[in-house]
């Protein structure tokens, strides 16, 4: 049975009360992540520190966030510098979203991302601050989400030991069971082995050759599901197609697109069972792009803990070495 990690009011927000708090004024080069310059100011950093300290979402890890901000392992600010450009974009770009997406993509509403190779977390405001300087998206859950990735990737063995039974194994068992009931007859040890292999292969850094490694890891698991080679091949496709569809944007035929949607639906239903809402409500809020979970176990931890951190995750985040 999956635990409910959300509170009664997961969308509760801590509002900024002053106008102009996050406008791009008096910016300087604050740091670089993934080759992208981030421009900020001490005023913005201090405002974010106050925000995460006051928020019920992130209060339990606020000291670690403060440490990360001070040592610039966490960067907050703007990718683009310039007040006139900022004002112009408010009138020339549409911002239909009300909640962040959590991956570094070309999508305009990116709020946070974690650069694994550099151990740097970034929260950007370019498309998430309105004309009067107020944030559109709620930031503390973004820190929670990305710090889950940070903590997991920098202490994989501890993360797997503490989070396998309460979070990871129940999630993947539920997800795979929605794809086919046959997976429920597979010994848990094979799924645990798969999760461990995924974590150790992809969490430390995003390396070349990911497609082949990913295929091999899941192929080994699927081979335990049945003796029907055709059935196993279809199941393998169901698991991997969301990654191909939404993350590397592989062109697909209609049947492949439909299979990808079936798998995405299973991911969303699994999250829905945790959050107590319909899965597609999560997609509409931009809480996750289904498919990352087939590669990064930390995505499961991040999504399930971004609104309400569980004790083992708090412990894991607070143990991050920000040096």
Protein backbone atom coordinates (compact mmCIF):
# COMPACT_ATOMS: atom_id res chain seq x y z
CA UNK A 1 0.00 0.00 0.00
CA UNK A 2 1.38 3.39 -0.92
CA UNK A 3 1.65 6.03 1.76
CA UNK A 4 -0.01 9.40 1.38
CA UNK A 5 2.80 11.96 1.46
CA UNK A 6 0.65 15.02 0.92
CA UNK A 7 -1.05 17.20 3.49
CA UNK A 8 -4.71 18.17 3.32
CA UNK A 9 -3.90 21.34 1.39
CA UNK A 10 -0.88 20.61 -0.88
CA UNK A 11 -1.35 23.83 -2.85
CA UNK A 12 -1.07 26.08 0.20
CA UNK A 13 1.16 29.03 -0.72
CA UNK A 14 3.29 31.47 1.19
CA UNK A 15 2.60 34.74 -0.58
CA UNK A 16 5.11 37.48 -1.14
CA UNK A 17 3.56 40.65 0.23
CA UNK A 18 5.83 43.38 -1.14
CA UNK A 19 5.83 44.61 -4.70
CA UNK A 20 9.04 44.42 -6.70
CA UNK A 21 10.72 41.82 -4.51
CA UNK A 22 12.01 39.74 -7.41
CA UNK A 23 12.46 42.28 -10.20
CA UNK A 24 15.78 41.99 -12.14
CA UNK A 25 17.38 45.12 -10.64
CA UNK A 26 21.06 45.65 -9.75
CA UNK A 27 21.94 42.16 -10.94
CA UNK A 28 25.45 40.81 -11.11
CA UNK A 29 26.91 37.52 -12.34
CA UNK A 30 26.21 35.18 -9.43
CA UNK A 31 27.41 31.90 -10.90
CA UNK A 32 27.37 29.55 -13.89
CA UNK A 33 25.58 26.18 -14.11
CA UNK A 34 25.69 23.91 -17.12
CA UNK A 35 27.29 26.72 -19.08
CA UNK A 36 24.39 29.06 -18.28
CA UNK A 37 25.21 32.32 -16.45
CA UNK A 38 22.88 33.10 -13.55
CA UNK A 39 22.46 36.76 -12.57
CA UNK A 40 21.26 37.69 -9.10
CA UNK A 41 21.72 40.04 -6.14
CA UNK A 42 22.12 39.76 -2.40
CA UNK A 43 18.63 41.23 -2.00
CA UNK A 44 17.10 38.39 -4.02
CA UNK A 45 19.13 35.75 -2.18
CA UNK A 46 18.11 37.16 1.21
CA UNK A 47 14.46 37.28 0.13
CA UNK A 48 14.59 33.62 -0.90
CA UNK A 49 16.22 32.70 2.43
CA UNK A 50 13.37 34.36 4.31
CA UNK A 51 10.82 32.66 2.08
CA UNK A 52 12.08 29.10 2.60
CA UNK A 53 12.46 29.71 6.35
CA UNK A 54 8.83 30.82 6.64
CA UNK A 55 7.34 28.19 4.34
CA UNK A 56 5.80 25.05 5.88
CA UNK A 57 7.03 23.22 2.76
CA UNK A 58 10.75 23.81 3.32
CA UNK A 59 11.20 24.96 6.92
CA UNK A 60 12.72 21.62 8.00
CA UNK A 61 15.54 21.97 5.45
CA UNK A 62 15.87 25.76 5.41
CA UNK A 63 19.32 25.76 7.08
CA UNK A 64 20.65 23.49 4.34
CA UNK A 65 19.13 25.76 1.67
CA UNK A 66 20.75 28.78 3.34
CA UNK A 67 24.09 26.96 3.34
CA UNK A 68 23.71 26.08 -0.33
CA UNK A 69 22.87 29.69 -1.20
CA UNK A 70 25.85 31.00 0.76
CA UNK A 71 28.26 28.56 -0.91
CA UNK A 72 26.59 28.96 -4.32
CA UNK A 73 25.75 25.29 -4.66
CA UNK A 74 22.24 26.72 -5.00
CA UNK A 75 21.86 29.57 -7.48
CA UNK A 76 18.73 31.73 -7.64
CA UNK A 77 18.22 34.50 -10.16
CA UNK A 78 17.80 35.29 -13.83
CA UNK A 79 19.31 33.69 -16.90
CA UNK A 80 18.78 36.91 -18.86
CA UNK A 81 20.01 40.23 -17.56
CA UNK A 82 18.29 43.53 -18.25
CA UNK A 83 15.19 45.35 -16.99
CA UNK A 84 13.92 46.42 -20.41
CA UNK A 85 14.17 42.89 -21.79
CA UNK A 86 12.30 41.59 -18.73
CA UNK A 87 9.47 44.13 -19.16
CA UNK A 88 9.25 43.48 -22.89
CA UNK A 89 8.93 39.73 -22.37
CA UNK A 90 6.04 40.26 -19.93
CA UNK A 91 4.05 41.74 -22.81
CA UNK A 92 5.26 39.49 -25.64
CA UNK A 93 5.18 36.04 -23.98
CA UNK A 94 2.20 34.08 -22.75
CA UNK A 95 2.36 32.51 -19.30
CA UNK A 96 -0.63 30.17 -19.03
CA UNK A 97 0.84 28.04 -16.25
CA UNK A 98 0.41 28.52 -12.52
CA UNK A 99 2.85 25.89 -11.31
CA UNK A 100 6.41 24.93 -12.20
CA UNK A 101 7.85 22.15 -14.30
CA UNK A 102 10.95 20.72 -12.74
CA UNK A 103 13.41 19.84 -15.49
CA UNK A 104 15.90 21.77 -17.54
CA UNK A 105 14.20 21.86 -20.94
CA UNK A 106 13.53 24.39 -23.65
CA UNK A 107 10.06 24.96 -22.24
CA UNK A 108 9.52 28.58 -21.22
CA UNK A 109 8.19 27.86 -17.74
CA UNK A 110 11.18 26.04 -16.29
CA UNK A 111 11.60 27.00 -12.64
CA UNK A 112 14.23 24.65 -11.24
CA UNK A 113 16.84 22.17 -12.39
CA UNK A 114 19.79 20.26 -10.98
CA UNK A 115 23.06 19.99 -12.89
CA UNK A 116 24.38 16.61 -11.79
CA UNK A 117 27.90 16.91 -13.19
CA UNK A 118 28.47 20.17 -11.29
CA UNK A 119 26.45 19.43 -8.12
CA UNK A 120 24.60 22.70 -8.58
CA UNK A 121 20.90 23.44 -8.10
CA UNK A 122 19.39 26.36 -10.02
CA UNK A 123 16.09 28.20 -9.54
CA UNK A 124 15.34 30.70 -12.30
CA UNK A 125 12.90 33.61 -12.28
CA UNK A 126 12.97 34.77 -15.92
CA UNK A 127 9.52 33.47 -16.78
CA UNK A 128 8.20 33.11 -13.27
CA UNK A 129 8.03 36.69 -12.03
CA UNK A 130 5.22 39.00 -13.09
CA UNK A 131 5.43 42.66 -14.04
CA UNK A 132 5.17 43.85 -10.43
CA UNK A 133 7.91 41.54 -9.17
CA UNK A 134 5.90 38.77 -7.59
CA UNK A 135 6.66 35.11 -8.24
CA UNK A 136 4.09 33.22 -10.29
CA UNK A 137 5.20 29.80 -9.02
CA UNK A 138 5.55 28.70 -5.42
CA UNK A 139 9.30 28.28 -4.85
CA UNK A 140 9.75 26.15 -1.69
CA UNK A 141 8.38 22.97 -3.35
CA UNK A 142 10.87 23.57 -6.19
CA UNK A 143 13.73 23.53 -3.67
CA UNK A 144 12.30 20.37 -2.10
CA UNK A 145 12.08 18.66 -5.48
CA UNK A 146 15.52 19.57 -6.75
CA UNK A 147 17.22 18.93 -3.41
CA UNK A 148 15.86 15.37 -3.55
CA UNK A 149 17.81 14.93 -6.79
CA UNK A 150 20.86 16.61 -5.22
CA UNK A 151 20.77 14.45 -2.09
CA UNK A 152 20.11 11.23 -3.99
CA UNK A 153 22.85 11.71 -6.56
CA UNK A 154 25.52 12.65 -4.02
CA UNK A 155 24.76 9.85 -1.54
CA UNK A 156 23.25 7.04 -3.58
CA UNK A 157 23.88 4.16 -1.17
CA UNK A 158 22.31 5.99 1.76
CA UNK A 159 19.37 7.10 -0.39
CA UNK A 160 18.69 3.57 -1.61
CA UNK A 161 18.95 2.12 1.90
CA UNK A 162 16.59 4.66 3.48
CA UNK A 163 14.08 5.11 0.67
CA UNK A 164 13.80 1.73 -1.05
CA UNK A 165 11.08 0.19 1.13
CA UNK A 166 8.98 3.24 2.07
CA UNK A 167 8.96 4.98 -1.34
CA UNK A 168 10.78 3.43 -4.30
CA UNK A 169 9.70 -0.21 -4.24
CA UNK A 170 5.98 0.52 -3.59
CA UNK A 171 5.93 3.13 -6.38
CA UNK A 172 7.51 0.94 -9.05
CA UNK A 173 5.45 -2.10 -8.05
CA UNK A 174 2.24 -0.10 -8.38
CA UNK A 175 3.31 1.45 -11.70
CA UNK A 176 4.37 -1.88 -13.24
CA UNK A 177 1.23 -3.58 -11.92
CA UNK A 178 -0.86 -1.03 -13.82
CA UNK A 179 1.00 -1.95 -17.02
CA UNK A 180 0.38 -5.66 -16.49
CA UNK A 181 -0.71 -7.75 -13.46
CA UNK A 182 1.97 -10.29 -14.41
CA UNK A 183 4.64 -8.10 -12.81
CA UNK A 184 3.08 -8.76 -9.40
CA UNK A 185 4.30 -12.35 -9.63
CA UNK A 186 7.94 -11.28 -10.01
CA UNK A 187 10.07 -11.54 -6.86
CA UNK A 188 10.70 -8.12 -5.32
CA UNK A 189 14.44 -8.74 -5.35
CA UNK A 190 14.54 -8.33 -9.15
CA UNK A 191 12.77 -4.99 -9.01
CA UNK A 192 15.02 -3.82 -6.16
CA UNK A 193 18.03 -4.85 -8.25
CA UNK A 194 16.65 -2.86 -11.21
CA UNK A 195 16.13 0.27 -9.10
CA UNK A 196 19.67 -0.01 -7.72
CA UNK A 197 21.13 -0.42 -11.22
CA UNK A 198 19.20 2.61 -12.50
CA UNK A 199 20.36 4.74 -9.58
CA UNK A 200 24.02 3.79 -9.88
CA UNK A 201 24.06 4.11 -13.67
CA UNK A 202 22.32 7.47 -14.07
CA UNK A 203 22.04 9.44 -10.81
CA UNK A 204 25.70 10.52 -10.44
CA UNK A 205 25.89 12.11 -13.92
CA UNK A 206 24.05 12.05 -17.24
CA UNK A 207 26.51 10.02 -19.33
CA UNK A 208 26.64 9.14 -23.06
CA UNK A 209 25.20 5.77 -24.02
CA UNK A 210 22.17 6.17 -21.78
CA UNK A 211 19.75 4.58 -24.25
CA UNK A 212 21.65 1.29 -24.50
CA UNK A 213 22.27 1.07 -20.75
CA UNK A 214 18.65 1.91 -19.97
CA UNK A 215 17.39 -0.71 -22.43
CA UNK A 216 19.65 -3.41 -20.96
CA UNK A 217 18.63 -2.70 -17.37
CA UNK A 218 14.90 -2.87 -18.05
CA UNK A 219 15.28 -5.79 -20.48
CA UNK A 220 16.80 -7.86 -17.67
CA UNK A 221 13.83 -7.09 -15.43
CA UNK A 222 11.21 -7.72 -18.11
CA UNK A 223 12.73 -11.14 -18.87
CA UNK A 224 11.57 -12.21 -15.37
CA UNK A 225 7.93 -11.29 -16.10
CA UNK A 226 7.02 -14.00 -18.61
CA UNK A 227 8.38 -16.52 -21.11
CA UNK A 228 6.52 -14.83 -23.96
CA UNK A 229 9.16 -12.89 -25.89
CA UNK A 230 6.61 -10.81 -27.80
CA UNK A 231 4.77 -9.85 -24.61
CA UNK A 232 8.04 -8.87 -22.90
CA UNK A 233 9.06 -6.75 -25.86
CA UNK A 234 5.76 -4.84 -25.68
CA UNK A 235 6.17 -4.34 -21.92
CA UNK A 236 9.70 -3.06 -22.43
CA UNK A 237 8.36 -0.59 -24.97
CA UNK A 238 5.68 0.59 -22.55
CA UNK A 239 8.32 1.34 -19.91
CA UNK A 240 10.74 3.16 -22.22
CA UNK A 241 8.47 4.98 -24.69
CA UNK A 242 7.52 7.89 -22.37
CA UNK A 243 11.23 8.65 -22.10
CA UNK A 244 11.51 8.61 -25.89
CA UNK A 245 8.32 10.62 -26.36
CA UNK A 246 8.69 13.47 -23.86
CA UNK A 247 12.38 13.62 -23.00
CA UNK A 248 14.34 12.96 -26.18
CA UNK A 249 11.36 13.79 -28.45
CA UNK A 250 11.77 10.73 -30.67
CA UNK A 251 9.40 10.70 -33.63
CA UNK A 252 6.91 7.86 -33.32
CA UNK A 253 4.19 6.13 -35.24
CA UNK A 254 0.61 6.32 -33.95
CA UNK A 255 0.76 2.93 -32.21
CA UNK A 256 3.97 3.87 -30.41
CA UNK A 257 2.48 7.18 -29.29
CA UNK A 258 -0.54 5.36 -27.91
CA UNK A 259 1.69 2.94 -25.99
CA UNK A 260 3.64 5.87 -24.57
CA UNK A 261 0.38 7.46 -23.39
CA UNK A 262 -0.63 4.19 -21.70
CA UNK A 263 2.60 4.18 -19.75
CA UNK A 264 2.35 7.87 -18.87
CA UNK A 265 -1.18 7.25 -17.63
CA UNK A 266 0.15 4.48 -15.37
CA UNK A 267 2.78 6.82 -13.94
CA UNK A 268 0.15 9.49 -13.30
CA UNK A 269 -2.30 7.05 -11.72
CA UNK A 270 0.47 5.88 -9.40
CA UNK A 271 1.21 9.44 -8.32
CA UNK A 272 -2.52 10.04 -8.05
CA UNK A 273 -2.85 7.17 -5.60
CA UNK A 274 -0.18 8.81 -3.46
CA UNK A 275 -1.49 12.35 -3.65
CA UNK A 276 -5.15 11.42 -3.45
CA UNK A 277 -6.05 13.17 -6.70
CA UNK A 278 -6.66 12.13 -10.27
CA UNK A 279 -3.38 11.54 -12.06
CA UNK A 280 -4.07 13.89 -14.93
CA UNK A 281 -4.49 16.77 -12.48
CA UNK A 282 -0.79 16.39 -11.73
CA UNK A 283 0.13 16.58 -15.41
CA UNK A 284 -1.95 19.71 -15.81
CA UNK A 285 -0.07 21.33 -12.94
CA UNK A 286 3.28 20.51 -14.53
CA UNK A 287 4.38 18.55 -11.45
CA UNK A 288 6.09 15.90 -13.55
CA UNK A 289 6.80 14.82 -17.08
CA UNK A 290 6.04 11.07 -16.90
CA UNK A 291 8.97 9.05 -18.16
CA UNK A 292 11.84 10.39 -16.10
CA UNK A 293 11.02 7.77 -13.49
CA UNK A 294 12.16 5.00 -15.88
CA UNK A 295 15.66 6.50 -15.69
CA UNK A 296 16.02 8.32 -12.38
CA UNK A 297 14.62 6.79 -9.17
CA UNK A 298 15.22 10.17 -7.54
CA UNK A 299 12.39 11.60 -9.65
CA UNK A 300 9.96 9.41 -7.72
CA UNK A 301 11.37 10.68 -4.42
CA UNK A 302 11.33 14.28 -5.67
CA UNK A 303 7.73 14.28 -6.88
CA UNK A 304 6.33 12.46 -3.86
CA UNK A 305 8.16 14.76 -1.41
CA UNK A 306 7.98 18.18 -2.99
CA UNK A 307 4.89 19.22 -1.03
CA UNK A 308 5.50 17.35 2.19
CA UNK A 309 8.95 16.09 3.07
CA UNK A 310 9.06 12.73 4.87
CA UNK A 311 11.53 12.17 7.76
CA UNK A 312 14.01 9.97 5.83
CA UNK A 313 14.11 12.50 2.99
CA UNK A 314 14.62 15.41 5.42
CA UNK A 315 17.51 13.48 6.93
CA UNK A 316 18.98 12.78 3.49
CA UNK A 317 18.74 16.41 2.36
CA UNK A 318 20.20 17.76 5.59
CA UNK A 319 23.21 15.46 5.14
CA UNK A 320 24.16 17.01 1.76
CA UNK A 321 27.76 18.24 1.65
CA UNK A 322 27.48 21.72 0.14
CA UNK A 323 31.25 22.22 -0.21
